[in-house]
Amino acid sequence: MPIYEYVSEAAEDPEHSCRICARGFELRRPVDRPALEVCPLCKNPVKKVISRVNTPKVTKPLSVSDAKKAGFTVLEKRDQGVYEKL
């Protein structure tokens, strides 16, 4: 289940938001459910915030020796559909 971030539409107005939705909150929801429209605590309108995506950062390609040290089996294509273990 993905994690969605929500924040109050009136975050700068403390009268129209509780302390939870004023700062923003995260909620795990199934993908097939519609987006939340009101805060579950104070029932005031909230909006979904687009959050950053966490992607792995690869600085350099792995060499054959690095892959072997990490426990991977390294294969090299020799002929039509024939692979040889290095």
PDB file of N, CA and C in Angstrom:
ATOM      1  N   MET A   1       0.837  -1.183   0.000  1.00  0.00           N
ATOM      2  CA  MET A   1       0.000   0.000   0.000  1.00  0.00           C
ATOM      3  C   MET A   1       0.882   1.246   0.000  1.00  0.00           C
ATOM      4  N   PRO A   2       0.587   2.182  -0.863  1.00  0.00           N
ATOM      5  CA  PRO A   2       1.384   3.412  -0.900  1.00  0.00           C
ATOM      6  C   PRO A   2       1.047   4.338   0.265  1.00  0.00           C
ATOM      7  N   ILE A   3       1.973   5.216   0.547  1.00  0.00           N
ATOM      8  CA  ILE A   3       1.782   6.214   1.597  1.00  0.00           C
ATOM      9  C   ILE A   3       1.487   7.538   0.925  1.00  0.00           C
ATOM     10  N   TYR A   4       0.368   8.166   1.322  1.00  0.00           N
ATOM     11  CA  TYR A   4      -0.034   9.455   0.773  1.00  0.00           C
ATOM     12  C   TYR A   4       0.136  10.524   1.836  1.00  0.00           C
ATOM     13  N   GLU A   5       0.527  11.724   1.415  1.00  0.00           N
ATOM     14  CA  GLU A   5       0.681  12.851   2.335  1.00  0.00           C
ATOM     15  C   GLU A   5      -0.455  13.835   2.112  1.00  0.00           C
ATOM     16  N   TYR A   6      -1.003  14.319   3.214  1.00  0.00           N
ATOM     17  CA  TYR A   6      -2.099  15.278   3.164  1.00  0.00           C
ATOM     18  C   TYR A   6      -1.770  16.474   4.049  1.00  0.00           C
ATOM     19  N   VAL A   7      -2.317  17.636   3.706  1.00  0.00           N
ATOM     20  CA  VAL A   7      -2.174  18.845   4.507  1.00  0.00           C
ATOM     21  C   VAL A   7      -3.486  19.625   4.401  1.00  0.00           C
ATOM     22  N   SER A   8      -3.796  20.379   5.431  1.00  0.00           N
ATOM     23  CA  SER A   8      -5.029  21.156   5.455  1.00  0.00           C
ATOM     24  C   SER A   8      -5.002  22.224   4.365  1.00  0.00           C
ATOM     25  N   GLU A   9      -6.148  22.462   3.756  1.00  0.00           N
ATOM     26  CA  GLU A   9      -6.238  23.524   2.758  1.00  0.00           C
ATOM     27  C   GLU A   9      -6.104  24.894   3.409  1.00  0.00           C
ATOM     28  N   ALA A  10      -6.440  24.986   4.693  1.00  0.00           N
ATOM     29  CA  ALA A  10      -6.316  26.235   5.440  1.00  0.00           C
ATOM     30  C   ALA A  10      -5.234  26.080   6.501  1.00  0.00           C
ATOM     31  N   ALA A  11      -4.042  25.644   6.087  1.00  0.00           N
ATOM     32  CA  ALA A  11      -2.967  25.353   7.042  1.00  0.00           C
ATOM     33  C   ALA A  11      -2.507  26.590   7.805  1.00  0.00           C
ATOM     34  N   GLU A  12      -2.564  27.761   7.188  1.00  0.00           N
ATOM     35  CA  GLU A  12      -2.109  28.969   7.874  1.00  0.00           C
ATOM     36  C   GLU A  12      -3.166  29.543   8.812  1.00  0.00           C
ATOM     37  N   ASP A  13      -4.404  29.039   8.736  1.00  0.00           N
ATOM     38  CA  ASP A  13      -5.489  29.506   9.605  1.00  0.00           C
ATOM     39  C   ASP A  13      -5.776  28.437  10.665  1.00  0.00           C
ATOM     40  N   PRO A  14      -5.282  28.622  11.900  1.00  0.00           N
ATOM     41  CA  PRO A  14      -5.443  27.578  12.922  1.00  0.00           C
ATOM     42  C   PRO A  14      -6.891  27.340  13.341  1.00  0.00           C
ATOM     43  N   GLU A  15      -7.791  28.270  13.060  1.00  0.00           N
ATOM     44  CA  GLU A  15      -9.197  28.081  13.415  1.00  0.00           C
ATOM     45  C   GLU A  15      -9.867  27.015  12.541  1.00  0.00           C
ATOM     46  N   HIS A  16      -9.362  26.820  11.332  1.00  0.00           N
ATOM     47  CA  HIS A  16      -9.988  25.892  10.399  1.00  0.00           C
ATOM     48  C   HIS A  16      -9.196  24.610  10.209  1.00  0.00           C
ATOM     49  N   SER A  17      -8.282  24.311  11.111  1.00  0.00           N
ATOM     50  CA  SER A  17      -7.538  23.063  11.011  1.00  0.00           C
ATOM     51  C   SER A  17      -7.066  22.641  12.398  1.00  0.00           C
ATOM     52  N   CYS A  18      -6.949  21.345  12.589  1.00  0.00           N
ATOM     53  CA  CYS A  18      -6.435  20.828  13.862  1.00  0.00           C
ATOM     54  C   CYS A  18      -4.908  20.800  13.799  1.00  0.00           C
ATOM     55  N   ARG A  19      -4.266  20.442  14.893  1.00  0.00           N
ATOM     56  CA  ARG A  19      -2.795  20.445  14.916  1.00  0.00           C
ATOM     57  C   ARG A  19      -2.209  19.357  14.017  1.00  0.00           C
ATOM     58  N   ILE A  20      -2.967  18.312  13.746  1.00  0.00           N
ATOM     59  CA  ILE A  20      -2.481  17.230  12.893  1.00  0.00           C
ATOM     60  C   ILE A  20      -2.483  17.651  11.423  1.00  0.00           C
ATOM     61  N   CYS A  21      -3.614  18.129  10.932  1.00  0.00           N
ATOM     62  CA  CYS A  21      -3.684  18.455   9.497  1.00  0.00           C
ATOM     63  C   CYS A  21      -3.010  19.787   9.172  1.00  0.00           C
ATOM     64  N   ALA A  22      -2.789  20.641  10.161  1.00  0.00           N
ATOM     65  CA  ALA A  22      -2.073  21.898   9.898  1.00  0.00           C
ATOM     66  C   ALA A  22      -0.615  21.618   9.558  1.00  0.00           C
ATOM     67  N   ARG A  23      -0.007  20.646  10.229  1.00  0.00           N
ATOM     68  CA  ARG A  23       1.388  20.277   9.943  1.00  0.00           C
ATOM     69  C   ARG A  23       1.493  19.301   8.789  1.00  0.00           C
ATOM     70  N   GLY A  24       0.417  18.606   8.513  1.00  0.00           N
ATOM     71  CA  GLY A  24       0.424  17.578   7.476  1.00  0.00           C
ATOM     72  C   GLY A  24       0.552  16.204   8.109  1.00  0.00           C
ATOM     73  N   PHE A  25       0.021  15.200   7.437  1.00  0.00           N
ATOM     74  CA  PHE A  25       0.093  13.835   7.954  1.00  0.00           C
ATOM     75  C   PHE A  25       0.198  12.860   6.799  1.00  0.00           C
ATOM     76  N   GLU A  26       0.694  11.664   7.117  1.00  0.00           N
ATOM     77  CA  GLU A  26       0.831  10.595   6.135  1.00  0.00           C
ATOM     78  C   GLU A  26      -0.207   9.533   6.432  1.00  0.00           C
ATOM     79  N   LEU A  27      -0.680   8.883   5.386  1.00  0.00           N
ATOM     80  CA  LEU A  27      -1.711   7.876   5.544  1.00  0.00           C
ATOM     81  C   LEU A  27      -1.488   6.768   4.528  1.00  0.00           C
ATOM     82  N   ARG A  28      -1.506   5.522   4.998  1.00  0.00           N
ATOM     83  CA  ARG A  28      -1.397   4.379   4.089  1.00  0.00           C
ATOM     84  C   ARG A  28      -2.795   4.025   3.614  1.00  0.00           C
ATOM     85  N   ARG A  29      -2.980   4.053   2.302  1.00  0.00           N
ATOM     86  CA  ARG A  29      -4.286   3.739   1.725  1.00  0.00           C
ATOM     87  C   ARG A  29      -4.107   2.868   0.487  1.00  0.00           C
ATOM     88  N   PRO A  30      -5.041   1.962   0.229  1.00  0.00           N
ATOM     89  CA  PRO A  30      -4.980   1.176  -1.007  1.00  0.00           C
ATOM     90  C   PRO A  30      -5.087   2.089  -2.232  1.00  0.00           C
ATOM     91  N   VAL A  31      -4.512   1.655  -3.317  1.00  0.00           N
ATOM     92  CA  VAL A  31      -4.484   2.452  -4.545  1.00  0.00           C
ATOM     93  C   VAL A  31      -5.890   2.660  -5.101  1.00  0.00           C
ATOM     94  N   ASP A  32      -6.767   1.673  -4.939  1.00  0.00           N
ATOM     95  CA  ASP A  32      -8.096   1.770  -5.531  1.00  0.00           C
ATOM     96  C   ASP A  32      -9.056   2.679  -4.758  1.00  0.00           C
ATOM     97  N   ARG A  33      -8.682   3.151  -3.584  1.00  0.00           N
ATOM     98  CA  ARG A  33      -9.538   4.074  -2.828  1.00  0.00           C
ATOM     99  C   ARG A  33      -9.337   5.502  -3.325  1.00  0.00           C
ATOM    100  N   PRO A  34     -10.407   6.305  -3.319  1.00  0.00           N
ATOM    101  CA  PRO A  34     -10.247   7.709  -3.740  1.00  0.00           C
ATOM    102  C   PRO A  34      -9.458   8.501  -2.707  1.00  0.00           C
ATOM    103  N   ALA A  35      -8.929   9.636  -3.142  1.00  0.00           N
ATOM    104  CA  ALA A  35      -8.134  10.487  -2.250  1.00  0.00           C
ATOM    105  C   ALA A  35      -8.996  11.015  -1.109  1.00  0.00           C
ATOM    106  N   LEU A  36      -8.364  11.220   0.032  1.00  0.00           N
ATOM    107  CA  LEU A  36      -9.054  11.755   1.203  1.00  0.00           C
ATOM    108  C   LEU A  36      -9.452  13.204   0.927  1.00  0.00           C
ATOM    109  N   GLU A  37     -10.651  13.593   1.340  1.00  0.00           N
ATOM    110  CA  GLU A  37     -11.109  14.958   1.114  1.00  0.00           C
ATOM    111  C   GLU A  37     -11.217  15.763   2.400  1.00  0.00           C
ATOM    112  N   VAL A  38     -11.400  15.078   3.535  1.00  0.00           N
ATOM    113  CA  VAL A  38     -11.499  15.764   4.824  1.00  0.00           C
ATOM    114  C   VAL A  38     -10.567  15.104   5.826  1.00  0.00           C
ATOM    115  N   CYS A  39     -10.132  15.876   6.799  1.00  0.00           N
ATOM    116  CA  CYS A  39      -9.274  15.368   7.863  1.00  0.00           C
ATOM    117  C   CYS A  39     -10.071  14.363   8.699  1.00  0.00           C
ATOM    118  N   PRO A  40      -9.498  13.191   9.007  1.00  0.00           N
ATOM    119  CA  PRO A  40     -10.237  12.217   9.801  1.00  0.00           C
ATOM    120  C   PRO A  40     -10.504  12.690  11.234  1.00  0.00           C
ATOM    121  N   LEU A  41      -9.744  13.668  11.717  1.00  0.00           N
ATOM    122  CA  LEU A  41      -9.896  14.136  13.087  1.00  0.00           C
ATOM    123  C   LEU A  41     -10.849  15.325  13.203  1.00  0.00           C
ATOM    124  N   CYS A  42     -10.618  16.390  12.414  1.00  0.00           N
ATOM    125  CA  CYS A  42     -11.407  17.619  12.560  1.00  0.00           C
ATOM    126  C   CYS A  42     -12.436  17.821  11.452  1.00  0.00           C
ATOM    127  N   LYS A  43     -12.429  16.949  10.431  1.00  0.00           N
ATOM    128  CA  LYS A  43     -13.389  16.980   9.319  1.00  0.00           C
ATOM    129  C   LYS A  43     -13.305  18.240   8.454  1.00  0.00           C
ATOM    130  N   ASN A  44     -12.185  18.946   8.501  1.00  0.00           N
ATOM    131  CA  ASN A  44     -11.980  20.094   7.620  1.00  0.00           C
ATOM    132  C   ASN A  44     -11.308  19.627   6.337  1.00  0.00           C
ATOM    133  N   PRO A  45     -11.463  20.375   5.235  1.00  0.00           N
ATOM    134  CA  PRO A  45     -10.908  19.930   3.949  1.00  0.00           C
ATOM    135  C   PRO A  45      -9.385  19.815   3.970  1.00  0.00           C
ATOM    136  N   VAL A  46      -8.890  18.764   3.325  1.00  0.00           N
ATOM    137  CA  VAL A  46      -7.449  18.551   3.170  1.00  0.00           C
ATOM    138  C   VAL A  46      -7.157  18.329   1.696  1.00  0.00           C
ATOM    139  N   LYS A  47      -5.896  18.508   1.322  1.00  0.00           N
ATOM    140  CA  LYS A  47      -5.482  18.245  -0.058  1.00  0.00           C
ATOM    141  C   LYS A  47      -4.282  17.323  -0.037  1.00  0.00           C
ATOM    142  N   LYS A  48      -4.169  16.534  -1.095  1.00  0.00           N
ATOM    143  CA  LYS A  48      -3.068  15.596  -1.212  1.00  0.00           C
ATOM    144  C   LYS A  48      -1.829  16.343  -1.694  1.00  0.00           C
ATOM    145  N   VAL A  49      -0.694  16.059  -1.057  1.00  0.00           N
ATOM    146  CA  VAL A  49       0.564  16.706  -1.398  1.00  0.00           C
ATOM    147  C   VAL A  49       1.385  15.732  -2.230  1.00  0.00           C
ATOM    148  N   ILE A  50       1.974  16.226  -3.295  1.00  0.00           N
ATOM    149  CA  ILE A  50       2.857  15.393  -4.104  1.00  0.00           C
ATOM    150  C   ILE A  50       4.203  15.340  -3.403  1.00  0.00           C
ATOM    151  N   SER A  51       4.614  14.143  -3.038  1.00  0.00           N
ATOM    152  CA  SER A  51       5.853  13.992  -2.285  1.00  0.00           C
ATOM    153  C   SER A  51       6.988  13.544  -3.201  1.00  0.00           C
ATOM    154  N   ARG A  52       8.186  13.621  -2.659  1.00  0.00           N
ATOM    155  CA  ARG A  52       9.355  13.204  -3.431  1.00  0.00           C
ATOM    156  C   ARG A  52       9.380  11.687  -3.572  1.00  0.00           C
ATOM    157  N   VAL A  53       9.978  11.224  -4.630  1.00  0.00           N
ATOM    158  CA  VAL A  53      10.116   9.800  -4.874  1.00  0.00           C
ATOM    159  C   VAL A  53      11.529   9.396  -4.482  1.00  0.00           C
ATOM    160  N   ASN A  54      11.631   8.327  -3.743  1.00  0.00           N
ATOM    161  CA  ASN A  54      12.930   7.841  -3.315  1.00  0.00           C
ATOM    162  C   ASN A  54      13.449   6.840  -4.340  1.00  0.00           C
ATOM    163  N   THR A  55      14.483   7.221  -5.060  1.00  0.00           N
ATOM    164  CA  THR A  55      15.077   6.328  -6.046  1.00  0.00           C
ATOM    165  C   THR A  55      16.519   6.052  -5.647  1.00  0.00           C
ATOM    166  N   PRO A  56      16.972   4.838  -5.890  1.00  0.00           N
ATOM    167  CA  PRO A  56      18.370   4.551  -5.555  1.00  0.00           C
ATOM    168  C   PRO A  56      19.307   5.316  -6.474  1.00  0.00           C
ATOM    169  N   LYS A  57      20.423   5.734  -5.931  1.00  0.00           N
ATOM    170  CA  LYS A  57      21.391   6.489  -6.710  1.00  0.00           C
ATOM    171  C   LYS A  57      22.585   5.590  -7.019  1.00  0.00           C
ATOM    172  N   VAL A  58      22.806   5.343  -8.289  1.00  0.00           N
ATOM    173  CA  VAL A  58      23.931   4.515  -8.720  1.00  0.00           C
ATOM    174  C   VAL A  58      25.020   5.453  -9.188  1.00  0.00           C
ATOM    175  N   THR A  59      26.158   5.401  -8.525  1.00  0.00           N
ATOM    176  CA  THR A  59      27.235   6.308  -8.872  1.00  0.00           C
ATOM    177  C   THR A  59      28.108   5.767  -9.991  1.00  0.00           C
ATOM    178  N   LYS A  60      28.291   4.460 -10.027  1.00  0.00           N
ATOM    179  CA  LYS A  60      29.110   3.879 -11.094  1.00  0.00           C
ATOM    180  C   LYS A  60      28.581   2.486 -11.393  1.00  0.00           C
ATOM    181  N   PRO A  61      28.765   1.999 -12.605  1.00  0.00           N
ATOM    182  CA  PRO A  61      28.333   0.635 -12.903  1.00  0.00           C
ATOM    183  C   PRO A  61      29.219  -0.373 -12.171  1.00  0.00           C
ATOM    184  N   LEU A  62      28.622  -1.486 -11.801  1.00  0.00           N
ATOM    185  CA  LEU A  62      29.376  -2.523 -11.097  1.00  0.00           C
ATOM    186  C   LEU A  62      30.261  -3.282 -12.074  1.00  0.00           C
ATOM    187  N   SER A  63      31.440  -3.632 -11.626  1.00  0.00           N
ATOM    188  CA  SER A  63      32.321  -4.450 -12.449  1.00  0.00           C
ATOM    189  C   SER A  63      31.994  -5.921 -12.198  1.00  0.00           C
ATOM    190  N   VAL A  64      32.579  -6.791 -12.998  1.00  0.00           N
ATOM    191  CA  VAL A  64      32.355  -8.226 -12.856  1.00  0.00           C
ATOM    192  C   VAL A  64      32.847  -8.699 -11.488  1.00  0.00           C
ATOM    193  N   SER A  65      33.990  -8.219 -11.058  1.00  0.00           N
ATOM    194  CA  SER A  65      34.516  -8.653  -9.754  1.00  0.00           C
ATOM    195  C   SER A  65      33.639  -8.136  -8.610  1.00  0.00           C
ATOM    196  N   ASP A  66      33.092  -6.906  -8.725  1.00  0.00           N
ATOM    197  CA  ASP A  66      32.187  -6.384  -7.700  1.00  0.00           C
ATOM    198  C   ASP A  66      30.906  -7.212  -7.621  1.00  0.00           C
ATOM    199  N   ALA A  67      30.392  -7.609  -8.789  1.00  0.00           N
ATOM    200  CA  ALA A  67      29.175  -8.419  -8.815  1.00  0.00           C
ATOM    201  C   ALA A  67      29.419  -9.787  -8.195  1.00  0.00           C
ATOM    202  N   LYS A  68      30.570 -10.383  -8.466  1.00  0.00           N
ATOM    203  CA  LYS A  68      30.900 -11.682  -7.873  1.00  0.00           C
ATOM    204  C   LYS A  68      31.065 -11.575  -6.365  1.00  0.00           C
ATOM    205  N   LYS A  69      31.688 -10.499  -5.899  1.00  0.00           N
ATOM    206  CA  LYS A  69      31.853 -10.292  -4.456  1.00  0.00           C
ATOM    207  C   LYS A  69      30.499 -10.117  -3.762  1.00  0.00           C
ATOM    208  N   ALA A  70      29.542  -9.540  -4.479  1.00  0.00           N
ATOM    209  CA  ALA A  70      28.214  -9.333  -3.912  1.00  0.00           C
ATOM    210  C   ALA A  70      27.368 -10.603  -3.954  1.00  0.00           C
ATOM    211  N   GLY A  71      27.879 -11.682  -4.587  1.00  0.00           N
ATOM    212  CA  GLY A  71      27.172 -12.950  -4.608  1.00  0.00           C
ATOM    213  C   GLY A  71      26.364 -13.216  -5.858  1.00  0.00           C
ATOM    214  N   PHE A  72      26.518 -12.388  -6.886  1.00  0.00           N
ATOM    215  CA  PHE A  72      25.784 -12.593  -8.119  1.00  0.00           C
ATOM    216  C   PHE A  72      26.525 -13.551  -9.031  1.00  0.00           C
ATOM    217  N   THR A  73      25.786 -14.279  -9.851  1.00  0.00           N
ATOM    218  CA  THR A  73      26.371 -15.124 -10.877  1.00  0.00           C
ATOM    219  C   THR A  73      26.456 -14.290 -12.150  1.00  0.00           C
ATOM    220  N   VAL A  74      27.647 -14.205 -12.717  1.00  0.00           N
ATOM    221  CA  VAL A  74      27.862 -13.389 -13.908  1.00  0.00           C
ATOM    222  C   VAL A  74      27.930 -14.307 -15.120  1.00  0.00           C
ATOM    223  N   LEU A  75      27.077 -14.036 -16.107  1.00  0.00           N
ATOM    224  CA  LEU A  75      27.039 -14.813 -17.335  1.00  0.00           C
ATOM    225  C   LEU A  75      27.380 -13.920 -18.518  1.00  0.00           C
ATOM    226  N   GLU A  76      28.012 -14.529 -19.528  1.00  0.00           N
ATOM    227  CA  GLU A  76      28.349 -13.792 -20.748  1.00  0.00           C
ATOM    228  C   GLU A  76      27.827 -14.576 -21.933  1.00  0.00           C
ATOM    229  N   LYS A  77      27.187 -13.887 -22.886  1.00  0.00           N
ATOM    230  CA  LYS A  77      26.621 -14.548 -24.053  1.00  0.00           C
ATOM    231  C   LYS A  77      27.733 -14.897 -25.036  1.00  0.00           C
ATOM    232  N   ARG A  78      27.784 -16.169 -25.415  1.00  0.00           N
ATOM    233  CA  ARG A  78      28.813 -16.639 -26.349  1.00  0.00           C
ATOM    234  C   ARG A  78      28.253 -16.840 -27.753  1.00  0.00           C
ATOM    235  N   ASP A  79      27.234 -17.661 -27.906  1.00  0.00           N
ATOM    236  CA  ASP A  79      26.652 -17.958 -29.210  1.00  0.00           C
ATOM    237  C   ASP A  79      25.152 -17.683 -29.160  1.00  0.00           C
ATOM    238  N   GLN A  80      24.439 -18.251 -30.122  1.00  0.00           N
ATOM    239  CA  GLN A  80      22.987 -18.096 -30.187  1.00  0.00           C
ATOM    240  C   GLN A  80      22.345 -18.738 -28.951  1.00  0.00           C
ATOM    241  N   GLY A  81      22.017 -17.943 -27.925  1.00  0.00           N
ATOM    242  CA  GLY A  81      21.343 -18.461 -26.749  1.00  0.00           C
ATOM    243  C   GLY A  81      22.217 -19.247 -25.802  1.00  0.00           C
ATOM    244  N   VAL A  82      23.532 -19.230 -26.000  1.00  0.00           N
ATOM    245  CA  VAL A  82      24.441 -19.981 -25.123  1.00  0.00           C
ATOM    246  C   VAL A  82      25.164 -18.984 -24.234  1.00  0.00           C
ATOM    247  N   TYR A  83      25.071 -19.195 -22.921  1.00  0.00           N
ATOM    248  CA  TYR A  83      25.729 -18.325 -21.964  1.00  0.00           C
ATOM    249  C   TYR A  83      26.792 -19.099 -21.214  1.00  0.00           C
ATOM    250  N   GLU A  84      27.880 -18.444 -20.920  1.00  0.00           N
ATOM    251  CA  GLU A  84      28.992 -19.062 -20.187  1.00  0.00           C
ATOM    252  C   GLU A  84      29.179 -18.333 -18.867  1.00  0.00           C
ATOM    253  N   LYS A  85      29.375 -19.117 -17.822  1.00  0.00           N
ATOM    254  CA  LYS A  85      29.576 -18.540 -16.504  1.00  0.00           C
ATOM    255  C   LYS A  85      31.007 -17.990 -16.411  1.00  0.00           C
ATOM    256  N   LEU A  86      31.158 -16.751 -15.949  1.00  0.00           N
ATOM    257  CA  LEU A  86      32.488 -16.168 -15.817  1.00  0.00           C
ATOM    258  C   LEU A  86      33.091 -16.470 -14.476  1.00  0.00           C
TER     259      LEU A  86
END
